[in-house]
Amino acid sequence: MSAITKSINRLKSKPKDLKWSEVTRVMGNFGYNVLEGSGSRMKFYHPEKDTLVSLHKPHNPKTLRPYQIEEILRVSRIITTAKQAQIVF
């Protein structure tokens, strides 16, 4: 099992200790670009699908909150359903 597959499976399991770096790796794998907003606001933009996910980058600890994980999974379901990605969320 590849590292990216493990990260995707981890994201899908909604862990309480999901790190920001894991999310950026998974989102990058699915074609998202990371854009910096104002302050700690970060955006993941998918140019082909014109989809934007806007989140606050976590500080200390650098783990995502449950609502952030839910938002990523919600948007990724839309993308993977429309595109039939190799790994479907």
PDB file of N, CA and C in Angstrom:
ATOM      1  N   MET A   1       0.850  -1.170   0.000  1.00  0.00           N
ATOM      2  CA  MET A   1       0.000   0.000   0.000  1.00  0.00           C
ATOM      3  C   MET A   1       0.899   1.237   0.000  1.00  0.00           C
ATOM      4  N   SER A   2       0.622   2.178  -0.909  1.00  0.00           N
ATOM      5  CA  SER A   2       1.456   3.372  -1.022  1.00  0.00           C
ATOM      6  C   SER A   2       1.168   4.347   0.116  1.00  0.00           C
ATOM      7  N   ALA A   3       2.084   5.294   0.292  1.00  0.00           N
ATOM      8  CA  ALA A   3       1.930   6.295   1.352  1.00  0.00           C
ATOM      9  C   ALA A   3       0.686   7.151   1.130  1.00  0.00           C
ATOM     10  N   ILE A   4       0.408   7.493  -0.127  1.00  0.00           N
ATOM     11  CA  ILE A   4      -0.760   8.321  -0.405  1.00  0.00           C
ATOM     12  C   ILE A   4      -2.054   7.551  -0.135  1.00  0.00           C
ATOM     13  N   THR A   5      -2.075   6.267  -0.447  1.00  0.00           N
ATOM     14  CA  THR A   5      -3.248   5.439  -0.151  1.00  0.00           C
ATOM     15  C   THR A   5      -3.475   5.362   1.350  1.00  0.00           C
ATOM     16  N   LYS A   6      -2.405   5.219   2.104  1.00  0.00           N
ATOM     17  CA  LYS A   6      -2.525   5.191   3.567  1.00  0.00           C
ATOM     18  C   LYS A   6      -3.071   6.517   4.086  1.00  0.00           C
ATOM     19  N   SER A   7      -2.583   7.625   3.520  1.00  0.00           N
ATOM     20  CA  SER A   7      -3.061   8.943   3.949  1.00  0.00           C
ATOM     21  C   SER A   7      -4.539   9.134   3.617  1.00  0.00           C
ATOM     22  N   ILE A   8      -4.957   8.669   2.443  1.00  0.00           N
ATOM     23  CA  ILE A   8      -6.367   8.773   2.051  1.00  0.00           C
ATOM     24  C   ILE A   8      -7.236   7.934   2.982  1.00  0.00           C
ATOM     25  N   ASN A   9      -6.814   6.724   3.255  1.00  0.00           N
ATOM     26  CA  ASN A   9      -7.571   5.857   4.167  1.00  0.00           C
ATOM     27  C   ASN A   9      -7.649   6.462   5.561  1.00  0.00           C
ATOM     28  N   ARG A  10      -6.577   7.095   5.977  1.00  0.00           N
ATOM     29  CA  ARG A  10      -6.548   7.756   7.289  1.00  0.00           C
ATOM     30  C   ARG A  10      -7.533   8.929   7.311  1.00  0.00           C
ATOM     31  N   LEU A  11      -7.544   9.719   6.254  1.00  0.00           N
ATOM     32  CA  LEU A  11      -8.483  10.834   6.156  1.00  0.00           C
ATOM     33  C   LEU A  11      -9.916  10.322   6.218  1.00  0.00           C
ATOM     34  N   LYS A  12     -10.212   9.260   5.489  1.00  0.00           N
ATOM     35  CA  LYS A  12     -11.553   8.684   5.472  1.00  0.00           C
ATOM     36  C   LYS A  12     -11.990   8.157   6.829  1.00  0.00           C
ATOM     37  N   SER A  13     -11.022   7.753   7.658  1.00  0.00           N
ATOM     38  CA  SER A  13     -11.356   7.227   8.985  1.00  0.00           C
ATOM     39  C   SER A  13     -11.634   8.336  10.005  1.00  0.00           C
ATOM     40  N   LYS A  14     -11.448   9.589   9.602  1.00  0.00           N
ATOM     41  CA  LYS A  14     -11.717  10.773  10.430  1.00  0.00           C
ATOM     42  C   LYS A  14     -10.983  10.736  11.772  1.00  0.00           C
ATOM     43  N   PRO A  15      -9.657  10.617  11.738  1.00  0.00           N
ATOM     44  CA  PRO A  15      -8.912  10.554  12.992  1.00  0.00           C
ATOM     45  C   PRO A  15      -8.888  11.908  13.692  1.00  0.00           C
ATOM     46  N   LYS A  16      -8.674  11.891  14.984  1.00  0.00           N
ATOM     47  CA  LYS A  16      -8.614  13.128  15.752  1.00  0.00           C
ATOM     48  C   LYS A  16      -7.239  13.791  15.671  1.00  0.00           C
ATOM     49  N   ASP A  17      -6.260  13.084  15.090  1.00  0.00           N
ATOM     50  CA  ASP A  17      -4.904  13.627  15.031  1.00  0.00           C
ATOM     51  C   ASP A  17      -4.393  13.770  13.590  1.00  0.00           C
ATOM     52  N   LEU A  18      -5.287  14.095  12.650  1.00  0.00           N
ATOM     53  CA  LEU A  18      -4.903  14.247  11.250  1.00  0.00           C
ATOM     54  C   LEU A  18      -4.109  15.539  11.086  1.00  0.00           C
ATOM     55  N   LYS A  19      -2.912  15.426  10.563  1.00  0.00           N
ATOM     56  CA  LYS A  19      -2.028  16.575  10.431  1.00  0.00           C
ATOM     57  C   LYS A  19      -2.294  17.338   9.134  1.00  0.00           C
ATOM     58  N   TRP A  20      -2.019  18.635   9.174  1.00  0.00           N
ATOM     59  CA  TRP A  20      -2.184  19.509   8.016  1.00  0.00           C
ATOM     60  C   TRP A  20      -1.361  19.002   6.841  1.00  0.00           C
ATOM     61  N   SER A  21      -0.143  18.534   7.108  1.00  0.00           N
ATOM     62  CA  SER A  21       0.738  18.051   6.036  1.00  0.00           C
ATOM     63  C   SER A  21       0.134  16.848   5.317  1.00  0.00           C
ATOM     64  N   GLU A  22      -0.589  16.002   6.037  1.00  0.00           N
ATOM     65  CA  GLU A  22      -1.247  14.856   5.404  1.00  0.00           C
ATOM     66  C   GLU A  22      -2.352  15.318   4.453  1.00  0.00           C
ATOM     67  N   VAL A  23      -3.099  16.329   4.873  1.00  0.00           N
ATOM     68  CA  VAL A  23      -4.191  16.846   4.054  1.00  0.00           C
ATOM     69  C   VAL A  23      -3.649  17.493   2.784  1.00  0.00           C
ATOM     70  N   THR A  24      -2.591  18.284   2.904  1.00  0.00           N
ATOM     71  CA  THR A  24      -2.035  18.936   1.713  1.00  0.00           C
ATOM     72  C   THR A  24      -1.506  17.906   0.723  1.00  0.00           C
ATOM     73  N   ARG A  25      -0.954  16.815   1.225  1.00  0.00           N
ATOM     74  CA  ARG A  25      -0.456  15.748   0.346  1.00  0.00           C
ATOM     75  C   ARG A  25      -1.616  15.063  -0.387  1.00  0.00           C
ATOM     76  N   VAL A  26      -2.677  14.752   0.332  1.00  0.00           N
ATOM     77  CA  VAL A  26      -3.841  14.094  -0.281  1.00  0.00           C
ATOM     78  C   VAL A  26      -4.510  15.020  -1.292  1.00  0.00           C
ATOM     79  N   MET A  27      -4.718  16.261  -0.911  1.00  0.00           N
ATOM     80  CA  MET A  27      -5.379  17.198  -1.817  1.00  0.00           C
ATOM     81  C   MET A  27      -4.533  17.443  -3.063  1.00  0.00           C
ATOM     82  N   GLY A  28      -3.227  17.537  -2.907  1.00  0.00           N
ATOM     83  CA  GLY A  28      -2.333  17.693  -4.052  1.00  0.00           C
ATOM     84  C   GLY A  28      -2.411  16.505  -4.987  1.00  0.00           C
ATOM     85  N   ASN A  29      -2.552  15.323  -4.429  1.00  0.00           N
ATOM     86  CA  ASN A  29      -2.663  14.105  -5.234  1.00  0.00           C
ATOM     87  C   ASN A  29      -3.912  14.131  -6.116  1.00  0.00           C
ATOM     88  N   PHE A  30      -4.967  14.776  -5.642  1.00  0.00           N
ATOM     89  CA  PHE A  30      -6.207  14.866  -6.402  1.00  0.00           C
ATOM     90  C   PHE A  30      -6.292  16.124  -7.261  1.00  0.00           C
ATOM     91  N   GLY A  31      -5.171  16.819  -7.428  1.00  0.00           N
ATOM     92  CA  GLY A  31      -5.122  17.944  -8.353  1.00  0.00           C
ATOM     93  C   GLY A  31      -5.407  19.308  -7.768  1.00  0.00           C
ATOM     94  N   TYR A  32      -5.472  19.417  -6.455  1.00  0.00           N
ATOM     95  CA  TYR A  32      -5.715  20.707  -5.823  1.00  0.00           C
ATOM     96  C   TYR A  32      -4.414  21.489  -5.667  1.00  0.00           C
ATOM     97  N   ASN A  33      -4.505  22.793  -5.860  1.00  0.00           N
ATOM     98  CA  ASN A  33      -3.398  23.698  -5.580  1.00  0.00           C
ATOM     99  C   ASN A  33      -3.678  24.371  -4.249  1.00  0.00           C
ATOM    100  N   VAL A  34      -2.633  24.600  -3.449  1.00  0.00           N
ATOM    101  CA  VAL A  34      -2.792  25.286  -2.169  1.00  0.00           C
ATOM    102  C   VAL A  34      -2.567  26.777  -2.397  1.00  0.00           C
ATOM    103  N   LEU A  35      -3.538  27.578  -2.013  1.00  0.00           N
ATOM    104  CA  LEU A  35      -3.454  29.031  -2.127  1.00  0.00           C
ATOM    105  C   LEU A  35      -3.543  29.640  -0.736  1.00  0.00           C
ATOM    106  N   GLU A  36      -2.727  30.645  -0.479  1.00  0.00           N
ATOM    107  CA  GLU A  36      -2.773  31.305   0.818  1.00  0.00           C
ATOM    108  C   GLU A  36      -3.780  32.439   0.789  1.00  0.00           C
ATOM    109  N   GLY A  37      -4.606  32.485   1.811  1.00  0.00           N
ATOM    110  CA  GLY A  37      -5.552  33.579   1.966  1.00  0.00           C
ATOM    111  C   GLY A  37      -4.991  34.551   2.982  1.00  0.00           C
ATOM    112  N   SER A  38      -5.850  35.315   3.594  1.00  0.00           N
ATOM    113  CA  SER A  38      -5.390  36.246   4.618  1.00  0.00           C
ATOM    114  C   SER A  38      -5.274  35.524   5.955  1.00  0.00           C
ATOM    115  N   GLY A  39      -4.247  35.879   6.702  1.00  0.00           N
ATOM    116  CA  GLY A  39      -4.015  35.245   8.000  1.00  0.00           C
ATOM    117  C   GLY A  39      -3.717  33.765   7.840  1.00  0.00           C
ATOM    118  N   SER A  40      -4.413  32.941   8.592  1.00  0.00           N
ATOM    119  CA  SER A  40      -4.181  31.497   8.512  1.00  0.00           C
ATOM    120  C   SER A  40      -5.157  30.806   7.558  1.00  0.00           C
ATOM    121  N   ARG A  41      -5.912  31.594   6.816  1.00  0.00           N
ATOM    122  CA  ARG A  41      -6.869  31.021   5.865  1.00  0.00           C
ATOM    123  C   ARG A  41      -6.120  30.434   4.677  1.00  0.00           C
ATOM    124  N   MET A  42      -6.380  29.175   4.382  1.00  0.00           N
ATOM    125  CA  MET A  42      -5.760  28.491   3.252  1.00  0.00           C
ATOM    126  C   MET A  42      -6.880  27.974   2.353  1.00  0.00           C
ATOM    127  N   LYS A  43      -6.590  27.952   1.064  1.00  0.00           N
ATOM    128  CA  LYS A  43      -7.579  27.479   0.107  1.00  0.00           C
ATOM    129  C   LYS A  43      -6.979  26.380  -0.752  1.00  0.00           C
ATOM    130  N   PHE A  44      -7.773  25.369  -0.992  1.00  0.00           N
ATOM    131  CA  PHE A  44      -7.407  24.308  -1.927  1.00  0.00           C
ATOM    132  C   PHE A  44      -8.272  24.533  -3.158  1.00  0.00           C
ATOM    133  N   TYR A  45      -7.620  24.727  -4.293  1.00  0.00           N
ATOM    134  CA  TYR A  45      -8.353  25.026  -5.522  1.00  0.00           C
ATOM    135  C   TYR A  45      -8.066  23.959  -6.564  1.00  0.00           C
ATOM    136  N   HIS A  46      -9.139  23.440  -7.170  1.00  0.00           N
ATOM    137  CA  HIS A  46      -9.013  22.446  -8.235  1.00  0.00           C
ATOM    138  C   HIS A  46      -9.358  23.147  -9.546  1.00  0.00           C
ATOM    139  N   PRO A  47      -8.338  23.452 -10.385  1.00  0.00           N
ATOM    140  CA  PRO A  47      -8.591  24.245 -11.592  1.00  0.00           C
ATOM    141  C   PRO A  47      -9.501  23.571 -12.617  1.00  0.00           C
ATOM    142  N   GLU A  48      -9.419  22.276 -12.779  1.00  0.00           N
ATOM    143  CA  GLU A  48     -10.248  21.588 -13.771  1.00  0.00           C
ATOM    144  C   GLU A  48     -11.726  21.589 -13.388  1.00  0.00           C
ATOM    145  N   LYS A  49     -12.003  21.429 -12.114  1.00  0.00           N
ATOM    146  CA  LYS A  49     -13.386  21.363 -11.628  1.00  0.00           C
ATOM    147  C   LYS A  49     -13.872  22.692 -11.074  1.00  0.00           C
ATOM    148  N   ASP A  50     -12.967  23.682 -10.998  1.00  0.00           N
ATOM    149  CA  ASP A  50     -13.286  24.993 -10.445  1.00  0.00           C
ATOM    150  C   ASP A  50     -13.926  24.861  -9.068  1.00  0.00           C
ATOM    151  N   THR A  51     -13.296  24.047  -8.222  1.00  0.00           N
ATOM    152  CA  THR A  51     -13.768  23.782  -6.870  1.00  0.00           C
ATOM    153  C   THR A  51     -12.809  24.391  -5.870  1.00  0.00           C
ATOM    154  N   LEU A  52     -13.357  25.022  -4.839  1.00  0.00           N
ATOM    155  CA  LEU A  52     -12.553  25.684  -3.827  1.00  0.00           C
ATOM    156  C   LEU A  52     -12.950  25.180  -2.446  1.00  0.00           C
ATOM    157  N   VAL A  53     -11.958  24.803  -1.645  1.00  0.00           N
ATOM    158  CA  VAL A  53     -12.174  24.428  -0.255  1.00  0.00           C
ATOM    159  C   VAL A  53     -11.373  25.414   0.570  1.00  0.00           C
ATOM    160  N   SER A  54     -12.034  26.127   1.454  1.00  0.00           N
ATOM    161  CA  SER A  54     -11.376  27.153   2.257  1.00  0.00           C
ATOM    162  C   SER A  54     -11.372  26.721   3.720  1.00  0.00           C
ATOM    163  N   LEU A  55     -10.179  26.645   4.303  1.00  0.00           N
ATOM    164  CA  LEU A  55     -10.015  26.204   5.687  1.00  0.00           C
ATOM    165  C   LEU A  55      -9.020  27.099   6.409  1.00  0.00           C
ATOM    166  N   HIS A  56      -9.112  27.134   7.719  1.00  0.00           N
ATOM    167  CA  HIS A  56      -8.066  27.771   8.508  1.00  0.00           C
ATOM    168  C   HIS A  56      -6.967  26.742   8.746  1.00  0.00           C
ATOM    169  N   LYS A  57      -5.735  27.144   8.508  1.00  0.00           N
ATOM    170  CA  LYS A  57      -4.610  26.251   8.787  1.00  0.00           C
ATOM    171  C   LYS A  57      -4.467  26.161  10.305  1.00  0.00           C
ATOM    172  N   PRO A  58      -4.466  24.947  10.833  1.00  0.00           N
ATOM    173  CA  PRO A  58      -4.369  24.802  12.286  1.00  0.00           C
ATOM    174  C   PRO A  58      -2.993  25.231  12.807  1.00  0.00           C
ATOM    175  N   HIS A  59      -2.967  25.743  14.022  1.00  0.00           N
ATOM    176  CA  HIS A  59      -1.724  26.182  14.639  1.00  0.00           C
ATOM    177  C   HIS A  59      -1.212  25.074  15.551  1.00  0.00           C
ATOM    178  N   ASN A  60      -1.193  25.294  16.829  1.00  0.00           N
ATOM    179  CA  ASN A  60      -0.704  24.254  17.736  1.00  0.00           C
ATOM    180  C   ASN A  60      -1.876  23.650  18.487  1.00  0.00           C
ATOM    181  N   PRO A  61      -2.099  22.383  18.395  1.00  0.00           N
ATOM    182  CA  PRO A  61      -1.386  21.412  17.562  1.00  0.00           C
ATOM    183  C   PRO A  61      -1.808  21.555  16.100  1.00  0.00           C
ATOM    184  N   LYS A  62      -0.997  21.099  15.200  1.00  0.00           N
ATOM    185  CA  LYS A  62      -1.260  21.249  13.761  1.00  0.00           C
ATOM    186  C   LYS A  62      -2.148  20.123  13.239  1.00  0.00           C
ATOM    187  N   THR A  63      -3.232  19.895  13.957  1.00  0.00           N
ATOM    188  CA  THR A  63      -4.182  18.859  13.559  1.00  0.00           C
ATOM    189  C   THR A  63      -5.511  19.507  13.182  1.00  0.00           C
ATOM    190  N   LEU A  64      -6.217  18.872  12.269  1.00  0.00           N
ATOM    191  CA  LEU A  64      -7.484  19.410  11.798  1.00  0.00           C
ATOM    192  C   LEU A  64      -8.612  19.074  12.756  1.00  0.00           C
ATOM    193  N   ARG A  65      -9.591  19.937  12.768  1.00  0.00           N
ATOM    194  CA  ARG A  65     -10.775  19.715  13.581  1.00  0.00           C
ATOM    195  C   ARG A  65     -11.762  18.868  12.783  1.00  0.00           C
ATOM    196  N   PRO A  66     -12.670  18.197  13.471  1.00  0.00           N
ATOM    197  CA  PRO A  66     -13.621  17.312  12.772  1.00  0.00           C
ATOM    198  C   PRO A  66     -14.400  18.000  11.657  1.00  0.00           C
ATOM    199  N   TYR A  67     -14.834  19.248  11.844  1.00  0.00           N
ATOM    200  CA  TYR A  67     -15.616  19.919  10.793  1.00  0.00           C
ATOM    201  C   TYR A  67     -14.771  20.153   9.545  1.00  0.00           C
ATOM    202  N   GLN A  68     -13.447  20.341   9.713  1.00  0.00           N
ATOM    203  CA  GLN A  68     -12.573  20.531   8.565  1.00  0.00           C
ATOM    204  C   GLN A  68     -12.433  19.236   7.768  1.00  0.00           C
ATOM    205  N   ILE A  69     -12.303  18.140   8.471  1.00  0.00           N
ATOM    206  CA  ILE A  69     -12.201  16.833   7.812  1.00  0.00           C
ATOM    207  C   ILE A  69     -13.492  16.536   7.055  1.00  0.00           C
ATOM    208  N   GLU A  70     -14.632  16.834   7.667  1.00  0.00           N
ATOM    209  CA  GLU A  70     -15.925  16.616   7.016  1.00  0.00           C
ATOM    210  C   GLU A  70     -16.034  17.435   5.732  1.00  0.00           C
ATOM    211  N   GLU A  71     -15.564  18.678   5.755  1.00  0.00           N
ATOM    212  CA  GLU A  71     -15.633  19.529   4.570  1.00  0.00           C
ATOM    213  C   GLU A  71     -14.770  18.963   3.447  1.00  0.00           C
ATOM    214  N   ILE A  72     -13.589  18.506   3.762  1.00  0.00           N
ATOM    215  CA  ILE A  72     -12.704  17.913   2.761  1.00  0.00           C
ATOM    216  C   ILE A  72     -13.343  16.658   2.170  1.00  0.00           C
ATOM    217  N   LEU A  73     -13.900  15.824   3.000  1.00  0.00           N
ATOM    218  CA  LEU A  73     -14.538  14.599   2.507  1.00  0.00           C
ATOM    219  C   LEU A  73     -15.775  14.915   1.664  1.00  0.00           C
ATOM    220  N   ARG A  74     -16.536  15.917   2.054  1.00  0.00           N
ATOM    221  CA  ARG A  74     -17.734  16.301   1.296  1.00  0.00           C
ATOM    222  C   ARG A  74     -17.347  16.743  -0.117  1.00  0.00           C
ATOM    223  N   VAL A  75     -16.368  17.611  -0.227  1.00  0.00           N
ATOM    224  CA  VAL A  75     -15.951  18.116  -1.529  1.00  0.00           C
ATOM    225  C   VAL A  75     -15.275  17.024  -2.346  1.00  0.00           C
ATOM    226  N   SER A  76     -14.464  16.212  -1.710  1.00  0.00           N
ATOM    227  CA  SER A  76     -13.760  15.169  -2.454  1.00  0.00           C
ATOM    228  C   SER A  76     -14.735  14.133  -2.999  1.00  0.00           C
ATOM    229  N   ARG A  77     -15.843  13.890  -2.319  1.00  0.00           N
ATOM    230  CA  ARG A  77     -16.863  12.975  -2.846  1.00  0.00           C
ATOM    231  C   ARG A  77     -17.444  13.517  -4.136  1.00  0.00           C
ATOM    232  N   ILE A  78     -17.666  14.818  -4.182  1.00  0.00           N
ATOM    233  CA  ILE A  78     -18.215  15.446  -5.386  1.00  0.00           C
ATOM    234  C   ILE A  78     -17.225  15.307  -6.533  1.00  0.00           C
ATOM    235  N   ILE A  79     -15.955  15.581  -6.267  1.00  0.00           N
ATOM    236  CA  ILE A  79     -14.923  15.514  -7.302  1.00  0.00           C
ATOM    237  C   ILE A  79     -14.749  14.088  -7.796  1.00  0.00           C
ATOM    238  N   THR A  80     -14.611  13.135  -6.875  1.00  0.00           N
ATOM    239  CA  THR A  80     -14.338  11.767  -7.293  1.00  0.00           C
ATOM    240  C   THR A  80     -15.542  11.140  -7.973  1.00  0.00           C
ATOM    241  N   THR A  81     -16.756  11.526  -7.578  1.00  0.00           N
ATOM    242  CA  THR A  81     -17.939  11.001  -8.248  1.00  0.00           C
ATOM    243  C   THR A  81     -17.986  11.504  -9.687  1.00  0.00           C
ATOM    244  N   ALA A  82     -17.659  12.768  -9.876  1.00  0.00           N
ATOM    245  CA  ALA A  82     -17.699  13.350 -11.214  1.00  0.00           C
ATOM    246  C   ALA A  82     -16.555  12.849 -12.091  1.00  0.00           C
ATOM    247  N   LYS A  83     -15.419  12.554 -11.493  1.00  0.00           N
ATOM    248  CA  LYS A  83     -14.238  12.225 -12.276  1.00  0.00           C
ATOM    249  C   LYS A  83     -13.888  10.742 -12.266  1.00  0.00           C
ATOM    250  N   GLN A  84     -14.424   9.977 -11.333  1.00  0.00           N
ATOM    251  CA  GLN A  84     -14.072   8.566 -11.162  1.00  0.00           C
ATOM    252  C   GLN A  84     -12.556   8.417 -10.965  1.00  0.00           C
ATOM    253  N   ALA A  85     -12.071   9.020  -9.896  1.00  0.00           N
ATOM    254  CA  ALA A  85     -10.645   8.981  -9.573  1.00  0.00           C
ATOM    255  C   ALA A  85     -10.212   7.544  -9.290  1.00  0.00           C
ATOM    256  N   GLN A  86      -8.911   7.338  -9.290  1.00  0.00           N
ATOM    257  CA  GLN A  86      -8.361   6.003  -9.049  1.00  0.00           C
ATOM    258  C   GLN A  86      -8.773   5.513  -7.655  1.00  0.00           C
ATOM    259  N   ILE A  87      -8.722   6.396  -6.692  1.00  0.00           N
ATOM    260  CA  ILE A  87      -9.096   6.026  -5.339  1.00  0.00           C
ATOM    261  C   ILE A  87     -10.320   6.858  -4.976  1.00  0.00           C
ATOM    262  N   VAL A  88     -11.446   6.219  -4.803  1.00  0.00           N
ATOM    263  CA  VAL A  88     -12.689   6.922  -4.534  1.00  0.00           C
ATOM    264  C   VAL A  88     -12.882   7.041  -3.040  1.00  0.00           C
ATOM    265  N   PHE A  89     -13.206   8.229  -2.577  1.00  0.00           N
ATOM    266  CA  PHE A  89     -13.444   8.456  -1.146  1.00  0.00           C
ATOM    267  C   PHE A  89     -14.767   7.865  -0.762  1.00  0.00           C
TER     268      PHE A  89
END
